[in-house]
Protein backbone atom coordinates (compact mmCIF):
# COMPACT_ATOMS: atom_id res chain seq x y z
CA MET A 1 -109.48 203.43 -28.81
CA ASN A 2 -111.80 204.29 -31.70
CA ARG A 3 -115.53 204.92 -31.43
CA GLU A 4 -116.45 201.36 -32.35
CA GLY A 5 -114.08 199.99 -29.74
CA ARG A 6 -115.54 202.27 -27.04
CA ILE A 7 -119.06 201.18 -27.90
CA ARG A 8 -118.04 197.51 -27.73
CA GLU A 9 -116.32 198.03 -24.37
CA ALA A 10 -119.35 199.85 -22.97
CA ARG A 11 -121.65 197.04 -24.15
CA THR A 12 -119.40 194.42 -22.52
CA LYS A 13 -119.51 196.28 -19.20
CA THR A 14 -123.27 196.63 -19.42
CA TYR A 15 -123.72 192.90 -20.07
CA ALA A 16 -121.37 192.04 -17.20
CA ALA A 17 -123.40 194.21 -14.83
CA ARG A 18 -126.72 192.77 -15.99
CA PHE A 19 -125.63 189.16 -15.72
CA GLY A 20 -123.87 189.91 -12.45
CA LYS A 21 -127.27 190.80 -11.00
CA VAL A 22 -128.67 187.54 -12.30
CA LEU A 23 -125.86 185.47 -10.75
CA ASP A 24 -126.25 187.25 -7.42
CA TYR A 25 -130.01 186.63 -7.48
CA ILE A 26 -129.56 182.93 -8.26
CA GLU A 27 -127.09 182.47 -5.39
CA ALA A 28 -129.38 184.27 -2.93
CA HIS A 29 -132.51 182.31 -3.95
CA LEU A 30 -131.20 178.80 -4.63
CA GLY A 31 -133.78 177.28 -2.31
CA GLU A 32 -136.64 178.83 -4.28
CA ARG A 33 -138.21 178.16 -7.66
CA LEU A 34 -136.18 180.10 -10.24
CA THR A 35 -137.99 180.83 -13.49
CA THR A 36 -136.40 182.07 -16.69
CA GLU A 37 -139.07 184.75 -16.85
CA ARG A 38 -137.96 186.20 -13.52
CA LEU A 39 -134.26 185.90 -14.31
CA GLY A 40 -134.81 187.49 -17.71
CA GLN A 41 -136.52 190.43 -16.04
CA ILE A 42 -133.54 190.92 -13.75
CA ALA A 43 -131.17 190.87 -16.73
CA ASN A 44 -133.53 193.09 -18.70
CA PHE A 45 -133.74 190.56 -21.54
CA SER A 46 -136.88 189.16 -23.11
CA LYS A 47 -137.59 185.51 -22.32
CA PHE A 48 -137.01 184.71 -26.01
CA HIS A 49 -133.38 185.81 -25.86
CA PHE A 50 -132.42 185.23 -22.22
CA HIS A 51 -131.46 181.54 -22.60
CA ARG A 52 -129.16 182.18 -25.53
CA GLN A 53 -127.59 185.28 -23.99
CA PHE A 54 -126.99 183.52 -20.66
CA THR A 55 -125.33 180.53 -22.33
CA ALA A 56 -123.16 182.76 -24.49
CA CYS A 57 -122.05 184.85 -21.50
CA ILE A 58 -121.62 182.18 -18.79
CA GLY A 59 -120.71 179.16 -20.93
CA THR A 60 -123.53 176.88 -19.81
CA SER A 61 -127.31 176.91 -19.81
CA VAL A 62 -129.19 178.61 -17.00
CA ALA A 63 -130.82 175.33 -15.93
CA ARG A 64 -127.46 173.56 -15.65
CA TYR A 65 -125.90 176.52 -13.85
CA ILE A 66 -128.65 176.43 -11.21
CA LEU A 67 -128.31 172.65 -10.85
CA LEU A 68 -124.53 172.92 -10.42
CA LEU A 69 -124.85 175.59 -7.73
CA ARG A 70 -127.40 173.50 -5.83
CA LEU A 71 -125.12 170.48 -6.06
CA ARG A 72 -122.09 172.56 -5.03
CA ARG A 73 -123.42 173.19 -1.54
CA ALA A 74 -124.35 169.50 -1.34
CA THR A 75 -120.73 168.54 -2.07
CA TYR A 76 -119.51 170.81 0.74
CA GLN A 77 -121.99 169.21 3.14
CA LEU A 78 -120.98 165.71 2.12
CA ALA A 79 -117.26 166.41 2.46
CA PHE A 80 -117.16 168.66 5.52
CA ASP A 81 -120.22 167.74 7.58
CA ARG A 82 -120.10 163.99 8.11
CA GLN A 83 -123.09 164.15 10.48
CA ALA A 84 -125.46 165.43 7.79
CA LYS A 85 -127.64 162.69 6.31
CA VAL A 86 -127.76 162.24 2.54
CA ILE A 87 -131.57 162.41 2.60
CA ASP A 88 -131.47 165.80 4.33
CA ILE A 89 -128.80 167.08 1.92
CA SER A 90 -130.86 165.97 -1.07
CA LEU A 91 -134.01 167.73 0.16
CA GLU A 92 -132.09 170.90 0.94
CA ALA A 93 -130.65 170.82 -2.59
CA GLY A 94 -134.19 170.90 -3.98
CA PHE A 95 -134.64 167.22 -4.94
CA GLU A 96 -137.84 165.33 -4.22
CA ASN A 97 -136.05 162.21 -3.00
CA PRO A 98 -132.54 160.77 -2.46
CA GLU A 99 -132.81 158.66 -5.63
CA SER A 100 -133.18 161.64 -7.97
CA PHE A 101 -130.45 163.46 -6.05
CA SER A 102 -128.06 160.49 -6.34
CA ARG A 103 -128.77 160.16 -10.06
CA ALA A 104 -128.11 163.85 -10.75
CA PHE A 105 -125.02 163.78 -8.53
CA ARG A 106 -123.56 160.73 -10.25
CA ASN A 107 -124.30 162.11 -13.74
CA THR A 108 -122.57 165.38 -12.82
CA PHE A 109 -119.53 164.24 -10.84
CA GLY A 110 -119.07 160.59 -11.80
CA GLN A 111 -119.38 159.57 -8.14
CA THR A 112 -122.28 158.66 -5.89
CA PRO A 113 -122.89 161.00 -2.94
CA SER A 114 -121.56 158.32 -0.57
CA GLY A 115 -118.51 157.75 -2.76
CA PHE A 116 -117.80 161.49 -2.85
CA ARG A 117 -118.12 161.65 0.94
CA ARG A 118 -115.57 158.85 1.34
CA GLN A 119 -113.08 160.25 -1.19
CA PRO A 120 -113.96 163.54 -2.89
CA ASP A 121 -112.50 163.99 -6.37
CA TRP A 122 -111.93 167.74 -6.08
CA GLU A 123 -109.92 168.02 -9.29
CA SER A 124 -112.81 166.66 -11.34
CA TRP A 125 -115.19 168.80 -9.26
CA HIS A 126 -113.35 171.97 -10.28
CA GLU A 127 -113.75 171.11 -13.95
CA ARG A 128 -117.53 171.32 -13.56
CA TYR A 129 -117.31 174.88 -12.20
CA ARG A 130 -115.18 176.58 -14.82
CA PHE A 131 -117.79 179.11 -15.87
CA HIS A 132 -117.13 182.25 -17.90
CA ILE A 133 -118.06 184.59 -15.07
CA PRO A 134 -117.85 188.20 -16.36
CA GLU A 135 -115.64 190.53 -14.35
CA ARG A 136 -117.83 192.93 -12.42
CA LYS A 137 -116.95 196.36 -11.20
CA ARG A 138 -117.58 196.25 -7.46
CA THR A 139 -117.44 199.17 -5.08
CA VAL A 140 -115.33 198.13 -2.09
CA ASN A 141 -114.96 199.95 1.23
CA ILE A 142 -111.36 199.96 2.42
CA ASN A 143 -110.41 200.67 6.04
CA ILE A 144 -106.96 201.01 7.60
CA VAL A 145 -106.90 198.88 10.77
CA GLU A 146 -104.41 197.59 13.34
CA PHE A 147 -104.24 193.79 13.45
CA GLU A 148 -102.93 192.22 16.64
CA THR A 149 -100.28 189.50 16.51
CA THR A 150 -102.11 186.17 16.41
CA ARG A 151 -100.82 182.63 16.98
CA ILE A 152 -102.27 180.16 14.49
CA ALA A 153 -102.31 176.45 13.74
CA VAL A 154 -101.46 175.92 10.08
CA LEU A 155 -101.85 173.17 7.53
CA GLU A 156 -99.57 174.17 4.65
CA HIS A 157 -101.16 173.53 1.28
CA ARG A 158 -98.60 173.23 -1.49
CA GLY A 159 -99.78 172.47 -5.01
CA PRO A 160 -102.72 173.15 -7.35
CA THR A 161 -105.66 175.20 -6.10
CA GLU A 162 -107.92 172.33 -7.16
CA LYS A 163 -106.59 170.34 -4.19
CA ILE A 164 -107.06 173.01 -1.50
CA ASN A 165 -110.28 171.35 -0.32
CA ASP A 166 -108.30 168.18 0.42
CA SER A 167 -106.13 170.27 2.75
CA VAL A 168 -109.23 171.89 4.25
CA GLY A 169 -110.60 168.43 5.00
CA GLN A 170 -107.37 167.44 6.76
CA PHE A 171 -107.39 170.63 8.81
CA ILE A 172 -111.01 170.03 9.84
CA SER A 173 -110.03 166.52 10.97
CA TRP A 174 -107.19 167.96 13.06
CA ARG A 175 -109.52 170.53 14.62
CA LYS A 176 -112.04 167.89 15.62
CA GLU A 177 -109.46 165.37 16.89
CA SER A 178 -107.27 167.82 18.82
CA GLY A 179 -109.90 170.23 20.13
CA LEU A 180 -107.20 172.93 20.12
CA SER A 181 -108.86 175.36 17.70
CA PRO A 182 -112.63 174.87 18.00
CA LYS A 183 -114.45 176.40 15.05
CA GLN A 184 -117.16 177.94 17.24
CA THR A 185 -114.75 179.97 19.41
CA SER A 186 -111.55 180.32 17.35
CA ARG A 187 -111.05 182.49 14.30
CA THR A 188 -110.36 180.82 10.95
CA PHE A 189 -107.82 182.27 8.52
CA GLY A 190 -106.25 181.62 5.15
CA ILE A 191 -102.86 182.99 4.04
CA ALA A 192 -102.36 183.44 0.28
CA TYR A 193 -98.66 183.47 -0.57
CA ASP A 194 -99.21 183.38 -4.32
CA ASN A 195 -101.62 184.55 -7.00
CA PRO A 196 -103.13 181.40 -8.56
CA ASP A 197 -103.59 183.27 -11.86
CA THR A 198 -99.84 183.82 -12.26
CA THR A 199 -98.26 180.96 -10.30
CA GLU A 200 -97.37 177.55 -11.67
CA PRO A 201 -99.88 175.13 -10.07
CA ALA A 202 -97.18 172.93 -8.48
CA ARG A 203 -95.64 176.01 -6.79
CA PHE A 204 -98.85 177.51 -5.41
CA ARG A 205 -98.79 178.06 -1.62
CA PHE A 206 -101.72 178.60 0.74
CA ASP A 207 -101.99 178.12 4.51
CA VAL A 208 -105.23 176.86 6.07
CA CYS A 209 -105.27 178.31 9.59
CA GLY A 210 -107.10 178.39 12.89
CA GLU A 211 -106.40 180.54 15.94
CA VAL A 212 -104.76 178.76 18.91
CA SER A 213 -103.66 179.82 22.38
CA ALA A 214 -100.60 177.54 22.66
CA GLU A 215 -98.02 175.71 20.54
CA VAL A 216 -99.41 172.88 18.43
CA PRO A 217 -98.04 169.44 19.42
CA PRO A 218 -96.98 166.91 16.75
CA ASN A 219 -99.96 165.41 14.94
CA PRO A 220 -100.74 163.01 12.05
CA GLN A 221 -102.09 165.79 9.80
CA GLY A 222 -98.85 167.79 9.91
CA VAL A 223 -100.40 170.93 11.41
CA VAL A 224 -97.74 173.35 12.71
CA THR A 225 -97.61 176.59 14.68
CA LYS A 226 -97.12 179.96 12.98
CA THR A 227 -97.91 183.60 13.68
CA ILE A 228 -99.74 186.33 11.81
CA PRO A 229 -97.70 189.43 12.74
CA GLY A 230 -99.48 192.48 14.07
CA GLY A 231 -99.46 195.80 12.27
CA ARG A 232 -101.30 198.14 9.94
CA CYS A 233 -103.49 196.60 7.25
CA ALA A 234 -105.93 197.66 4.58
CA ARG A 235 -109.12 195.68 5.17
CA VAL A 236 -111.89 194.90 2.69
CA ARG A 237 -115.03 192.91 3.47
CA HIS A 238 -116.06 190.42 0.79
CA ARG A 239 -119.63 189.12 0.77
CA GLY A 240 -120.48 185.97 -1.13
CA SER A 241 -118.73 182.93 -2.55
CA HIS A 242 -115.04 182.36 -1.86
CA LEU A 243 -114.75 181.37 -5.51
CA ARG A 244 -115.39 185.02 -6.46
CA ILE A 245 -113.18 186.65 -3.86
CA ASP A 246 -110.96 188.09 -6.60
CA GLU A 247 -113.75 190.58 -7.27
CA SER A 248 -112.81 192.21 -3.96
CA ILE A 249 -109.05 191.63 -4.14
CA TYR A 250 -108.39 193.18 -7.55
CA PRO A 251 -109.88 196.62 -6.72
CA LEU A 252 -107.66 196.66 -3.63
CA TYR A 253 -104.45 196.03 -5.59
CA ARG A 254 -105.34 197.58 -8.92
CA ASP A 255 -107.28 200.70 -7.93
CA TRP A 256 -106.76 201.61 -4.29
CA LEU A 257 -103.10 200.76 -3.63
CA PRO A 258 -101.50 202.81 -6.46
CA GLU A 259 -103.46 205.90 -5.42
CA SER A 260 -103.16 205.46 -1.66
CA GLY A 261 -99.47 206.31 -1.20
CA GLU A 262 -99.17 203.23 1.02
CA GLU A 263 -96.37 200.66 0.85
CA LEU A 264 -96.75 196.94 1.37
CA ARG A 265 -95.29 195.14 4.34
CA ASP A 266 -93.31 191.90 3.89
CA PHE A 267 -96.20 189.55 4.65
CA PRO A 268 -98.74 188.06 2.26
CA LEU A 269 -102.41 188.84 1.83
CA TYR A 270 -104.60 186.90 4.28
CA PHE A 271 -108.26 186.19 4.91
CA HIS A 272 -110.39 186.04 8.05
CA TYR A 273 -113.43 183.86 7.44
CA LEU A 274 -116.22 185.22 9.65
CA ASN A 275 -118.49 182.30 8.78
CA LEU A 276 -117.91 179.04 6.99
CA LEU A 277 -119.25 176.43 4.63
CA PRO A 278 -121.24 174.24 4.67
CA GLU A 279 -123.51 175.61 7.40
CA THR A 280 -123.56 179.04 5.74
CA PRO A 281 -124.97 179.42 2.19
CA GLU A 282 -122.39 180.77 -0.25
CA SER A 283 -124.37 183.95 -0.83
CA GLU A 284 -124.16 184.74 2.91
CA LEU A 285 -120.44 184.12 3.41
CA ILE A 286 -118.48 187.04 4.90
CA THR A 287 -114.70 187.25 4.55
CA ASP A 288 -112.40 190.05 5.68
CA ILE A 289 -109.38 190.51 3.38
CA TYR A 290 -106.21 191.95 4.97
CA LEU A 291 -103.42 193.58 2.98
CA PRO A 292 -100.41 194.23 5.31
CA LEU A 293 -99.00 197.78 5.13
CA LYS A 294 -95.84 199.43 6.46
């Protein structure tokens, strides 16, 4: 790489780091008033240039990005917490009243909050969240641990990643109806058989899982019994949104594994979700990533 190329690469990394701090700050302070002056200070840009630089880097304006993140948690509450009232969801999302919340929701997703609760259009939802998030260099702590064999109830998701939340909703319904894997006392897992970046959408496979103590009886949702085998694993803890979990997975595969001397076991990568949406804000989510080793 020539000198000009090295300078350009260094500038790209610097911008990614600066805007990464801004995105982290926005996620952690969504319930507060977020000013462009404050965000510009975090990015180390003057307020005259911050708007344009943010839009060029992320692909949308800072005001719309903040609105979309506030509405994102609202969609999770509507879809996965049927007991939550729309008025409470609207106030938590930072709106003065349900009317302004409903108007912004409908303009963004093409559905009313009540309509989304009845039948979420997750494919259209995903289109709203295709930002140009810069890849950030994260320092990850990797531990070698022994994972005990664990029986799980599984809803097999097969198809595009955009429809995973439909499968999550079905699994939540099974949990509530059966009482066999209560969220409060049973661990929640996800098993990733394929990389969504390299797998044809129709062939993508992901298991939505909950720990159980006995075999799962036949049920309308199609939940079945499987096992996560015990054995050695490399474990990484990811903090923050599940939508950015690749930031913790890639260093594991790309950086650590080739230098570790370890060999992979014949079982896919899996996740242990230590807390869950929608009761936990995205910035406070904690997920342990397990890479099975021989």
